[in-house]
PDB file of N, CA and C in Angstrom:
ATOM      1  N   MET A   1       0.836  -1.175   0.000  1.00  0.00           N
ATOM      2  CA  MET A   1       0.000   0.000   0.000  1.00  0.00           C
ATOM      3  C   MET A   1       0.881   1.238   0.000  1.00  0.00           C
ATOM      4  N   GLU A   2       0.316   2.290  -0.533  1.00  0.00           N
ATOM      5  CA  GLU A   2       0.965   3.589  -0.516  1.00  0.00           C
ATOM      6  C   GLU A   2      -0.102   4.635  -0.230  1.00  0.00           C
ATOM      7  N   VAL A   3       0.293   5.699   0.432  1.00  0.00           N
ATOM      8  CA  VAL A   3      -0.635   6.785   0.721  1.00  0.00           C
ATOM      9  C   VAL A   3       0.082   8.107   0.517  1.00  0.00           C
ATOM     10  N   ALA A   4      -0.713   9.153   0.386  1.00  0.00           N
ATOM     11  CA  ALA A   4      -0.178  10.506   0.278  1.00  0.00           C
ATOM     12  C   ALA A   4      -0.882  11.383   1.303  1.00  0.00           C
ATOM     13  N   VAL A   5      -0.163  12.403   1.744  1.00  0.00           N
ATOM     14  CA  VAL A   5      -0.697  13.404   2.664  1.00  0.00           C
ATOM     15  C   VAL A   5      -0.304  14.760   2.098  1.00  0.00           C
ATOM     16  N   VAL A   6      -1.232  15.691   2.067  1.00  0.00           N
ATOM     17  CA  VAL A   6      -0.920  17.061   1.669  1.00  0.00           C
ATOM     18  C   VAL A   6      -1.068  17.939   2.905  1.00  0.00           C
ATOM     19  N   ALA A   7       0.012  18.631   3.245  1.00  0.00           N
ATOM     20  CA  ALA A   7       0.014  19.548   4.384  1.00  0.00           C
ATOM     21  C   ALA A   7       0.818  20.781   4.007  1.00  0.00           C
ATOM     22  N   ARG A   8       0.265  21.934   4.318  1.00  0.00           N
ATOM     23  CA  ARG A   8       0.925  23.204   3.992  1.00  0.00           C
ATOM     24  C   ARG A   8       1.275  23.286   2.516  1.00  0.00           C
ATOM     25  N   GLY A   9       0.440  22.717   1.661  1.00  0.00           N
ATOM     26  CA  GLY A   9       0.607  22.803   0.218  1.00  0.00           C
ATOM     27  C   GLY A   9       1.600  21.834  -0.387  1.00  0.00           C
ATOM     28  N   ALA A  10       2.204  20.983   0.407  1.00  0.00           N
ATOM     29  CA  ALA A  10       3.196  20.025  -0.098  1.00  0.00           C
ATOM     30  C   ALA A  10       2.684  18.597   0.069  1.00  0.00           C
ATOM     31  N   ALA A  11       2.870  17.814  -0.982  1.00  0.00           N
ATOM     32  CA  ALA A  11       2.482  16.400  -0.933  1.00  0.00           C
ATOM     33  C   ALA A  11       3.629  15.582  -0.359  1.00  0.00           C
ATOM     34  N   ARG A  12       3.278  14.684   0.518  1.00  0.00           N
ATOM     35  CA  ARG A  12       4.243  13.741   1.095  1.00  0.00           C
ATOM     36  C   ARG A  12       3.733  12.350   0.775  1.00  0.00           C
ATOM     37  N   PHE A  13       4.630  11.493   0.308  1.00  0.00           N
ATOM     38  CA  PHE A  13       4.257  10.142  -0.101  1.00  0.00           C
ATOM     39  C   PHE A  13       4.875   9.120   0.846  1.00  0.00           C
ATOM     40  N   PHE A  14       4.097   8.115   1.157  1.00  0.00           N
ATOM     41  CA  PHE A  14       4.534   7.028   2.034  1.00  0.00           C
ATOM     42  C   PHE A  14       4.316   5.723   1.282  1.00  0.00           C
ATOM     43  N   ASP A  15       5.406   5.040   0.995  1.00  0.00           N
ATOM     44  CA  ASP A  15       5.372   3.833   0.167  1.00  0.00           C
ATOM     45  C   ASP A  15       5.644   2.586   0.993  1.00  0.00           C
ATOM     46  N   ASP A  16       5.377   1.455   0.364  1.00  0.00           N
ATOM     47  CA  ASP A  16       5.711   0.144   0.949  1.00  0.00           C
ATOM     48  C   ASP A  16       5.142  -0.016   2.357  1.00  0.00           C
ATOM     49  N   LEU A  17       3.859   0.248   2.495  1.00  0.00           N
ATOM     50  CA  LEU A  17       3.196   0.151   3.791  1.00  0.00           C
ATOM     51  C   LEU A  17       2.523  -1.202   3.990  1.00  0.00           C
ATOM     52  N   GLY A  18       2.925  -2.174   3.212  1.00  0.00           N
ATOM     53  CA  GLY A  18       2.367  -3.514   3.350  1.00  0.00           C
ATOM     54  C   GLY A  18       1.203  -3.735   2.407  1.00  0.00           C
ATOM     55  N   THR A  19       0.475  -4.792   2.670  1.00  0.00           N
ATOM     56  CA  THR A  19      -0.681  -5.121   1.844  1.00  0.00           C
ATOM     57  C   THR A  19      -1.942  -5.000   2.688  1.00  0.00           C
ATOM     58  N   GLY A  20      -3.041  -4.798   2.026  1.00  0.00           N
ATOM     59  CA  GLY A  20      -4.308  -4.690   2.735  1.00  0.00           C
ATOM     60  C   GLY A  20      -5.410  -4.258   1.803  1.00  0.00           C
ATOM     61  N   THR A  21      -6.532  -3.967   2.383  1.00  0.00           N
ATOM     62  CA  THR A  21      -7.703  -3.565   1.618  1.00  0.00           C
ATOM     63  C   THR A  21      -7.670  -2.064   1.345  1.00  0.00           C
ATOM     64  N   ASN A  22      -8.604  -1.623   0.529  1.00  0.00           N
ATOM     65  CA  ASN A  22      -8.758  -0.203   0.270  1.00  0.00           C
ATOM     66  C   ASN A  22      -9.054   0.542   1.576  1.00  0.00           C
ATOM     67  N   THR A  23      -9.863  -0.064   2.426  1.00  0.00           N
ATOM     68  CA  THR A  23     -10.182   0.558   3.710  1.00  0.00           C
ATOM     69  C   THR A  23      -8.948   0.637   4.600  1.00  0.00           C
ATOM     70  N   ASP A  24      -8.108  -0.395   4.567  1.00  0.00           N
ATOM     71  CA  ASP A  24      -6.845  -0.339   5.318  1.00  0.00           C
ATOM     72  C   ASP A  24      -6.014   0.856   4.855  1.00  0.00           C
ATOM     73  N   ALA A  25      -5.961   1.074   3.543  1.00  0.00           N
ATOM     74  CA  ALA A  25      -5.200   2.199   2.992  1.00  0.00           C
ATOM     75  C   ALA A  25      -5.793   3.532   3.448  1.00  0.00           C
ATOM     76  N   GLU A  26      -7.108   3.611   3.517  1.00  0.00           N
ATOM     77  CA  GLU A  26      -7.750   4.844   3.990  1.00  0.00           C
ATOM     78  C   GLU A  26      -7.383   5.128   5.444  1.00  0.00           C
ATOM     79  N   TRP A  27      -7.380   4.091   6.271  1.00  0.00           N
ATOM     80  CA  TRP A  27      -6.974   4.262   7.671  1.00  0.00           C
ATOM     81  C   TRP A  27      -5.509   4.671   7.763  1.00  0.00           C
ATOM     82  N   LEU A  28      -4.655   4.058   6.954  1.00  0.00           N
ATOM     83  CA  LEU A  28      -3.232   4.425   6.968  1.00  0.00           C
ATOM     84  C   LEU A  28      -3.041   5.880   6.561  1.00  0.00           C
ATOM     85  N   ALA A  29      -3.790   6.318   5.559  1.00  0.00           N
ATOM     86  CA  ALA A  29      -3.682   7.709   5.116  1.00  0.00           C
ATOM     87  C   ALA A  29      -4.077   8.664   6.241  1.00  0.00           C
ATOM     88  N   LEU A  30      -5.147   8.345   6.946  1.00  0.00           N
ATOM     89  CA  LEU A  30      -5.578   9.189   8.057  1.00  0.00           C
ATOM     90  C   LEU A  30      -4.536   9.199   9.171  1.00  0.00           C
ATOM     91  N   GLN A  31      -3.986   8.032   9.456  1.00  0.00           N
ATOM     92  CA  GLN A  31      -2.954   7.911  10.498  1.00  0.00           C
ATOM     93  C   GLN A  31      -1.704   8.716  10.116  1.00  0.00           C
ATOM     94  N   MET A  32      -1.295   8.616   8.855  1.00  0.00           N
ATOM     95  CA  MET A  32      -0.111   9.357   8.411  1.00  0.00           C
ATOM     96  C   MET A  32      -0.385  10.858   8.418  1.00  0.00           C
ATOM     97  N   ALA A  33      -1.593  11.268   8.046  1.00  0.00           N
ATOM     98  CA  ALA A  33      -1.947  12.691   8.082  1.00  0.00           C
ATOM     99  C   ALA A  33      -1.880  13.218   9.512  1.00  0.00           C
ATOM    100  N   LEU A  34      -2.347  12.426  10.448  1.00  0.00           N
ATOM    101  CA  LEU A  34      -2.269  12.807  11.860  1.00  0.00           C
ATOM    102  C   LEU A  34      -0.813  12.967  12.289  1.00  0.00           C
ATOM    103  N   GLN A  35       0.023  12.021  11.916  1.00  0.00           N
ATOM    104  CA  GLN A  35       1.441  12.088  12.284  1.00  0.00           C
ATOM    105  C   GLN A  35       2.122  13.304  11.668  1.00  0.00           C
ATOM    106  N   VAL A  36       1.810  13.598  10.404  1.00  0.00           N
ATOM    107  CA  VAL A  36       2.412  14.763   9.748  1.00  0.00           C
ATOM    108  C   VAL A  36       1.989  16.039  10.469  1.00  0.00           C
ATOM    109  N   ALA A  37       0.703  16.192  10.747  1.00  0.00           N
ATOM    110  CA  ALA A  37       0.225  17.399  11.436  1.00  0.00           C
ATOM    111  C   ALA A  37       0.887  17.545  12.802  1.00  0.00           C
ATOM    112  N   GLN A  38       0.985  16.454  13.524  1.00  0.00           N
ATOM    113  CA  GLN A  38       1.629  16.504  14.840  1.00  0.00           C
ATOM    114  C   GLN A  38       3.106  16.863  14.711  1.00  0.00           C
ATOM    115  N   SER A  39       3.788  16.313  13.715  1.00  0.00           N
ATOM    116  CA  SER A  39       5.221  16.588  13.544  1.00  0.00           C
ATOM    117  C   SER A  39       5.481  18.036  13.135  1.00  0.00           C
ATOM    118  N   LEU A  40       4.496  18.675  12.500  1.00  0.00           N
ATOM    119  CA  LEU A  40       4.627  20.076  12.112  1.00  0.00           C
ATOM    120  C   LEU A  40       4.312  21.017  13.274  1.00  0.00           C
ATOM    121  N   GLY A  41       3.912  20.451  14.390  1.00  0.00           N
ATOM    122  CA  GLY A  41       3.620  21.258  15.563  1.00  0.00           C
ATOM    123  C   GLY A  41       2.317  22.033  15.469  1.00  0.00           C
ATOM    124  N   GLU A  42       1.431  21.574  14.627  1.00  0.00           N
ATOM    125  CA  GLU A  42       0.149  22.256  14.466  1.00  0.00           C
ATOM    126  C   GLU A  42      -0.722  22.043  15.703  1.00  0.00           C
ATOM    127  N   ALA A  43      -1.175  23.127  16.291  1.00  0.00           N
ATOM    128  CA  ALA A  43      -2.060  23.017  17.454  1.00  0.00           C
ATOM    129  C   ALA A  43      -3.509  22.844  17.015  1.00  0.00           C
ATOM    130  N   ASP A  44      -3.910  23.569  15.993  1.00  0.00           N
ATOM    131  CA  ASP A  44      -5.272  23.494  15.460  1.00  0.00           C
ATOM    132  C   ASP A  44      -5.200  23.015  14.019  1.00  0.00           C
ATOM    133  N   PHE A  45      -5.671  21.810  13.793  1.00  0.00           N
ATOM    134  CA  PHE A  45      -5.647  21.281  12.435  1.00  0.00           C
ATOM    135  C   PHE A  45      -6.871  20.416  12.200  1.00  0.00           C
ATOM    136  N   ASP A  46      -7.244  20.337  10.937  1.00  0.00           N
ATOM    137  CA  ASP A  46      -8.326  19.465  10.500  1.00  0.00           C
ATOM    138  C   ASP A  46      -7.720  18.358   9.664  1.00  0.00           C
ATOM    139  N   LEU A  47      -8.337  17.201   9.697  1.00  0.00           N
ATOM    140  CA  LEU A  47      -7.975  16.118   8.797  1.00  0.00           C
ATOM    141  C   LEU A  47      -9.129  15.932   7.831  1.00  0.00           C
ATOM    142  N   ILE A  48      -8.794  15.670   6.585  1.00  0.00           N
ATOM    143  CA  ILE A  48      -9.792  15.537   5.534  1.00  0.00           C
ATOM    144  C   ILE A  48      -9.576  14.213   4.834  1.00  0.00           C
ATOM    145  N   GLY A  49     -10.649  13.481   4.615  1.00  0.00           N
ATOM    146  CA  GLY A  49     -10.547  12.202   3.927  1.00  0.00           C
ATOM    147  C   GLY A  49     -11.749  11.947   3.049  1.00  0.00           C
ATOM    148  N   ASP A  50     -11.586  11.036   2.099  1.00  0.00           N
ATOM    149  CA  ASP A  50     -12.685  10.738   1.188  1.00  0.00           C
ATOM    150  C   ASP A  50     -13.346   9.388   1.459  1.00  0.00           C
ATOM    151  N   SER A  51     -13.012   8.765   2.564  1.00  0.00           N
ATOM    152  CA  SER A  51     -13.687   7.530   2.960  1.00  0.00           C
ATOM    153  C   SER A  51     -14.747   7.874   4.001  1.00  0.00           C
ATOM    154  N   LEU A  52     -15.996   7.878   3.577  1.00  0.00           N
ATOM    155  CA  LEU A  52     -17.081   8.214   4.494  1.00  0.00           C
ATOM    156  C   LEU A  52     -17.118   7.249   5.672  1.00  0.00           C
ATOM    157  N   GLU A  53     -16.851   5.980   5.410  1.00  0.00           N
ATOM    158  CA  GLU A  53     -16.840   4.971   6.479  1.00  0.00           C
ATOM    159  C   GLU A  53     -15.836   5.336   7.570  1.00  0.00           C
ATOM    160  N   VAL A  54     -14.616   5.661   7.176  1.00  0.00           N
ATOM    161  CA  VAL A  54     -13.561   5.989   8.137  1.00  0.00           C
ATOM    162  C   VAL A  54     -13.883   7.291   8.870  1.00  0.00           C
ATOM    163  N   VAL A  55     -14.312   8.300   8.149  1.00  0.00           N
ATOM    164  CA  VAL A  55     -14.632   9.589   8.767  1.00  0.00           C
ATOM    165  C   VAL A  55     -15.764   9.431   9.779  1.00  0.00           C
ATOM    166  N   ARG A  56     -16.779   8.675   9.431  1.00  0.00           N
ATOM    167  CA  ARG A  56     -17.901   8.465  10.359  1.00  0.00           C
ATOM    168  C   ARG A  56     -17.440   7.737  11.625  1.00  0.00           C
ATOM    169  N   LEU A  57     -16.571   6.750  11.472  1.00  0.00           N
ATOM    170  CA  LEU A  57     -16.065   6.025  12.643  1.00  0.00           C
ATOM    171  C   LEU A  57     -15.255   6.937  13.554  1.00  0.00           C
ATOM    172  N   VAL A  58     -14.350   7.706  12.978  1.00  0.00           N
ATOM    173  CA  VAL A  58     -13.495   8.596  13.775  1.00  0.00           C
ATOM    174  C   VAL A  58     -14.328   9.649  14.505  1.00  0.00           C
ATOM    175  N   ASN A  59     -15.385  10.113  13.856  1.00  0.00           N
ATOM    176  CA  ASN A  59     -16.234  11.138  14.460  1.00  0.00           C
ATOM    177  C   ASN A  59     -17.285  10.574  15.409  1.00  0.00           C
ATOM    178  N   GLY A  60     -17.318   9.261  15.565  1.00  0.00           N
ATOM    179  CA  GLY A  60     -18.277   8.648  16.475  1.00  0.00           C
ATOM    180  C   GLY A  60     -19.687   8.563  15.931  1.00  0.00           C
ATOM    181  N   ALA A  61     -19.850   8.785  14.626  1.00  0.00           N
ATOM    182  CA  ALA A  61     -21.179   8.737  14.013  1.00  0.00           C
ATOM    183  C   ALA A  61     -21.618   7.313  13.695  1.00  0.00           C
ATOM    184  N   SER A  62     -20.690   6.387  13.743  1.00  0.00           N
ATOM    185  CA  SER A  62     -21.024   4.972  13.554  1.00  0.00           C
ATOM    186  C   SER A  62     -20.074   4.140  14.401  1.00  0.00           C
ATOM    187  N   ARG A  63     -20.398   2.879  14.517  1.00  0.00           N
ATOM    188  CA  ARG A  63     -19.594   1.961  15.328  1.00  0.00           C
ATOM    189  C   ARG A  63     -18.855   1.001  14.408  1.00  0.00           C
ATOM    190  N   PRO A  64     -17.682   0.537  14.834  1.00  0.00           N
ATOM    191  CA  PRO A  64     -16.935  -0.415  14.005  1.00  0.00           C
ATOM    192  C   PRO A  64     -17.761  -1.672  13.736  1.00  0.00           C
ATOM    193  N   GLY A  65     -17.757  -2.081  12.477  1.00  0.00           N
ATOM    194  CA  GLY A  65     -18.504  -3.270  12.090  1.00  0.00           C
ATOM    195  C   GLY A  65     -17.653  -4.518  12.024  1.00  0.00           C
ATOM    196  N   SER A  66     -16.375  -4.375  12.333  1.00  0.00           N
ATOM    197  CA  SER A  66     -15.467  -5.525  12.286  1.00  0.00           C
ATOM    198  C   SER A  66     -14.352  -5.320  13.298  1.00  0.00           C
ATOM    199  N   ASP A  67     -13.664  -6.416  13.593  1.00  0.00           N
ATOM    200  CA  ASP A  67     -12.506  -6.323  14.488  1.00  0.00           C
ATOM    201  C   ASP A  67     -11.420  -5.454  13.875  1.00  0.00           C
ATOM    202  N   ALA A  68     -11.260  -5.540  12.545  1.00  0.00           N
ATOM    203  CA  ALA A  68     -10.236  -4.741  11.866  1.00  0.00           C
ATOM    204  C   ALA A  68     -10.538  -3.251  12.008  1.00  0.00           C
ATOM    205  N   ALA A  69     -11.787  -2.865  11.814  1.00  0.00           N
ATOM    206  CA  ALA A  69     -12.164  -1.453  11.947  1.00  0.00           C
ATOM    207  C   ALA A  69     -11.962  -0.974  13.381  1.00  0.00           C
ATOM    208  N   ALA A  70     -12.312  -1.812  14.349  1.00  0.00           N
ATOM    209  CA  ALA A  70     -12.119  -1.452  15.756  1.00  0.00           C
ATOM    210  C   ALA A  70     -10.638  -1.271  16.071  1.00  0.00           C
ATOM    211  N   ALA A  71      -9.795  -2.121  15.509  1.00  0.00           N
ATOM    212  CA  ALA A  71      -8.351  -2.017  15.736  1.00  0.00           C
ATOM    213  C   ALA A  71      -7.792  -0.740  15.108  1.00  0.00           C
ATOM    214  N   HIS A  72      -8.224  -0.422  13.887  1.00  0.00           N
ATOM    215  CA  HIS A  72      -7.784   0.821  13.242  1.00  0.00           C
ATOM    216  C   HIS A  72      -8.202   2.029  14.079  1.00  0.00           C
ATOM    217  N   LEU A  73      -9.442   2.034  14.535  1.00  0.00           N
ATOM    218  CA  LEU A  73      -9.945   3.153  15.328  1.00  0.00           C
ATOM    219  C   LEU A  73      -9.163   3.289  16.636  1.00  0.00           C
ATOM    220  N   ALA A  74      -8.867   2.181  17.278  1.00  0.00           N
ATOM    221  CA  ALA A  74      -8.101   2.215  18.531  1.00  0.00           C
ATOM    222  C   ALA A  74      -6.703   2.781  18.299  1.00  0.00           C
ATOM    223  N   ARG A  75      -6.054   2.399  17.195  1.00  0.00           N
ATOM    224  CA  ARG A  75      -4.723   2.936  16.884  1.00  0.00           C
ATOM    225  C   ARG A  75      -4.798   4.444  16.637  1.00  0.00           C
ATOM    226  N   PHE A  76      -5.827   4.871  15.909  1.00  0.00           N
ATOM    227  CA  PHE A  76      -5.983   6.299  15.647  1.00  0.00           C
ATOM    228  C   PHE A  76      -6.196   7.059  16.956  1.00  0.00           C
ATOM    229  N   GLU A  77      -7.080   6.567  17.798  1.00  0.00           N
ATOM    230  CA  GLU A  77      -7.370   7.235  19.072  1.00  0.00           C
ATOM    231  C   GLU A  77      -6.118   7.319  19.949  1.00  0.00           C
ATOM    232  N   ALA A  78      -5.326   6.266  19.973  1.00  0.00           N
ATOM    233  CA  ALA A  78      -4.091   6.280  20.765  1.00  0.00           C
ATOM    234  C   ALA A  78      -3.126   7.336  20.234  1.00  0.00           C
ATOM    235  N   ALA A  79      -2.975   7.407  18.919  1.00  0.00           N
ATOM    236  CA  ALA A  79      -2.073   8.395  18.322  1.00  0.00           C
ATOM    237  C   ALA A  79      -2.607   9.811  18.520  1.00  0.00           C
ATOM    238  N   ALA A  80      -3.917   9.983  18.483  1.00  0.00           N
ATOM    239  CA  ALA A  80      -4.523  11.309  18.630  1.00  0.00           C
ATOM    240  C   ALA A  80      -4.379  11.859  20.041  1.00  0.00           C
ATOM    241  N   ALA A  81      -4.026  11.022  20.986  1.00  0.00           N
ATOM    242  CA  ALA A  81      -3.805  11.501  22.353  1.00  0.00           C
ATOM    243  C   ALA A  81      -2.661  12.512  22.397  1.00  0.00           C
ATOM    244  N   ASP A  82      -1.755  12.457  21.421  1.00  0.00           N
ATOM    245  CA  ASP A  82      -0.618  13.381  21.351  1.00  0.00           C
ATOM    246  C   ASP A  82      -0.953  14.671  20.615  1.00  0.00           C
ATOM    247  N   GLY A  83      -2.159  14.820  20.157  1.00  0.00           N
ATOM    248  CA  GLY A  83      -2.587  16.011  19.428  1.00  0.00           C
ATOM    249  C   GLY A  83      -3.778  15.669  18.561  1.00  0.00           C
ATOM    250  N   ARG A  84      -4.949  16.043  19.021  1.00  0.00           N
ATOM    251  CA  ARG A  84      -6.191  15.668  18.351  1.00  0.00           C
ATOM    252  C   ARG A  84      -6.575  16.736  17.325  1.00  0.00           C
ATOM    253  N   PRO A  85      -7.051  16.312  16.164  1.00  0.00           N
ATOM    254  CA  PRO A  85      -7.534  17.298  15.192  1.00  0.00           C
ATOM    255  C   PRO A  85      -8.792  17.995  15.706  1.00  0.00           C
ATOM    256  N   ARG A  86      -8.998  19.241  15.251  1.00  0.00           N
ATOM    257  CA  ARG A  86     -10.236  19.939  15.608  1.00  0.00           C
ATOM    258  C   ARG A  86     -11.432  19.170  15.073  1.00  0.00           C
ATOM    259  N   ARG A  87     -11.273  18.670  13.864  1.00  0.00           N
ATOM    260  CA  ARG A  87     -12.336  17.879  13.250  1.00  0.00           C
ATOM    261  C   ARG A  87     -11.747  17.002  12.158  1.00  0.00           C
ATOM    262  N   VAL A  88     -12.492  15.974  11.819  1.00  0.00           N
ATOM    263  CA  VAL A  88     -12.163  15.107  10.685  1.00  0.00           C
ATOM    264  C   VAL A  88     -13.343  15.231   9.738  1.00  0.00           C
ATOM    265  N   ARG A  89     -13.053  15.655   8.533  1.00  0.00           N
ATOM    266  CA  ARG A  89     -14.094  16.034   7.586  1.00  0.00           C
ATOM    267  C   ARG A  89     -14.038  15.161   6.342  1.00  0.00           C
ATOM    268  N   TRP A  90     -15.211  14.828   5.804  1.00  0.00           N
ATOM    269  CA  TRP A  90     -15.303  14.055   4.568  1.00  0.00           C
ATOM    270  C   TRP A  90     -15.401  14.995   3.378  1.00  0.00           C
ATOM    271  N   ILE A  91     -14.698  14.649   2.296  1.00  0.00           N
ATOM    272  CA  ILE A  91     -14.841  15.342   1.015  1.00  0.00           C
ATOM    273  C   ILE A  91     -14.949  14.294  -0.077  1.00  0.00           C
ATOM    274  N   GLN A  92     -15.430  14.702  -1.222  1.00  0.00           N
ATOM    275  CA  GLN A  92     -15.524  13.784  -2.355  1.00  0.00           C
ATOM    276  C   GLN A  92     -14.128  13.434  -2.850  1.00  0.00           C
ATOM    277  N   ARG A  93     -14.016  12.246  -3.402  1.00  0.00           N
ATOM    278  CA  ARG A  93     -12.721  11.755  -3.874  1.00  0.00           C
ATOM    279  C   ARG A  93     -12.070  12.724  -4.861  1.00  0.00           C
ATOM    280  N   GLY A  94     -12.846  13.296  -5.758  1.00  0.00           N
ATOM    281  CA  GLY A  94     -12.299  14.208  -6.763  1.00  0.00           C
ATOM    282  C   GLY A  94     -11.763  15.508  -6.200  1.00  0.00           C
ATOM    283  N   GLN A  95     -12.062  15.800  -4.938  1.00  0.00           N
ATOM    284  CA  GLN A  95     -11.574  17.011  -4.277  1.00  0.00           C
ATOM    285  C   GLN A  95     -10.421  16.729  -3.322  1.00  0.00           C
ATOM    286  N   ASN A  96     -10.067  15.480  -3.170  1.00  0.00           N
ATOM    287  CA  ASN A  96      -9.043  15.074  -2.205  1.00  0.00           C
ATOM    288  C   ASN A  96      -7.655  15.308  -2.803  1.00  0.00           C
ATOM    289  N   LEU A  97      -6.973  16.339  -2.327  1.00  0.00           N
ATOM    290  CA  LEU A  97      -5.666  16.691  -2.893  1.00  0.00           C
ATOM    291  C   LEU A  97      -4.644  15.572  -2.738  1.00  0.00           C
ATOM    292  N   ALA A  98      -4.706  14.839  -1.645  1.00  0.00           N
ATOM    293  CA  ALA A  98      -3.765  13.728  -1.451  1.00  0.00           C
ATOM    294  C   ALA A  98      -4.025  12.632  -2.480  1.00  0.00           C
ATOM    295  N   GLY A  99      -5.278  12.303  -2.707  1.00  0.00           N
ATOM    296  CA  GLY A  99      -5.617  11.297  -3.713  1.00  0.00           C
ATOM    297  C   GLY A  99      -5.232  11.740  -5.111  1.00  0.00           C
ATOM    298  N   ILE A 100      -5.437  13.015  -5.406  1.00  0.00           N
ATOM    299  CA  ILE A 100      -5.061  13.561  -6.710  1.00  0.00           C
ATOM    300  C   ILE A 100      -3.547  13.487  -6.888  1.00  0.00           C
ATOM    301  N   ALA A 101      -2.796  13.852  -5.858  1.00  0.00           N
ATOM    302  CA  ALA A 101      -1.326  13.792  -5.931  1.00  0.00           C
ATOM    303  C   ALA A 101      -0.849  12.365  -6.153  1.00  0.00           C
ATOM    304  N   LEU A 102      -1.463  11.418  -5.470  1.00  0.00           N
ATOM    305  CA  LEU A 102      -1.084  10.014  -5.620  1.00  0.00           C
ATOM    306  C   LEU A 102      -1.406   9.514  -7.022  1.00  0.00           C
ATOM    307  N   ALA A 103      -2.559   9.884  -7.552  1.00  0.00           N
ATOM    308  CA  ALA A 103      -2.944   9.473  -8.906  1.00  0.00           C
ATOM    309  C   ALA A 103      -1.991  10.061  -9.944  1.00  0.00           C
ATOM    310  N   ARG A 104      -1.620  11.310  -9.781  1.00  0.00           N
ATOM    311  CA  ARG A 104      -0.678  11.946 -10.723  1.00  0.00           C
ATOM    312  C   ARG A 104       0.691  11.287 -10.651  1.00  0.00           C
ATOM    313  N   ARG A 105       1.101  10.962  -9.459  1.00  0.00           N
ATOM    314  CA  ARG A 105       2.405  10.317  -9.279  1.00  0.00           C
ATOM    315  C   ARG A 105       2.452   8.969  -9.986  1.00  0.00           C
ATOM    316  N   ASN A 106       1.356   8.251  -9.920  1.00  0.00           N
ATOM    317  CA  ASN A 106       1.312   6.917 -10.522  1.00  0.00           C
ATOM    318  C   ASN A 106       0.919   6.944 -11.988  1.00  0.00           C
ATOM    319  N   GLY A 107       0.641   8.146 -12.500  1.00  0.00           N
ATOM    320  CA  GLY A 107       0.351   8.348 -13.910  1.00  0.00           C
ATOM    321  C   GLY A 107      -0.783   7.573 -14.417  1.00  0.00           C
TER     322      GLY A 107
END
């Protein structure tokens, strides 16, 4: 798996993250975005993603439907203890700058 994160106008790519499902990749992207924001020392930041399932879980609007989803959510919550986003927001895939950057990179 590979994911991209866009922060402060710059795309960052994370490669060779193992194998998994599309949903696993969405969780990894959110986790990496959280780590990037925390590493930049941002006190107030939003995370944006195009997986409605993941965004709803993180925001508490739905409950994990599988052990895998519960494990992803627990990892995110543990990491967010070091700096929680103001909000996690859903956007359409075509508006997701990280997804666009990844698609352009892969041509």
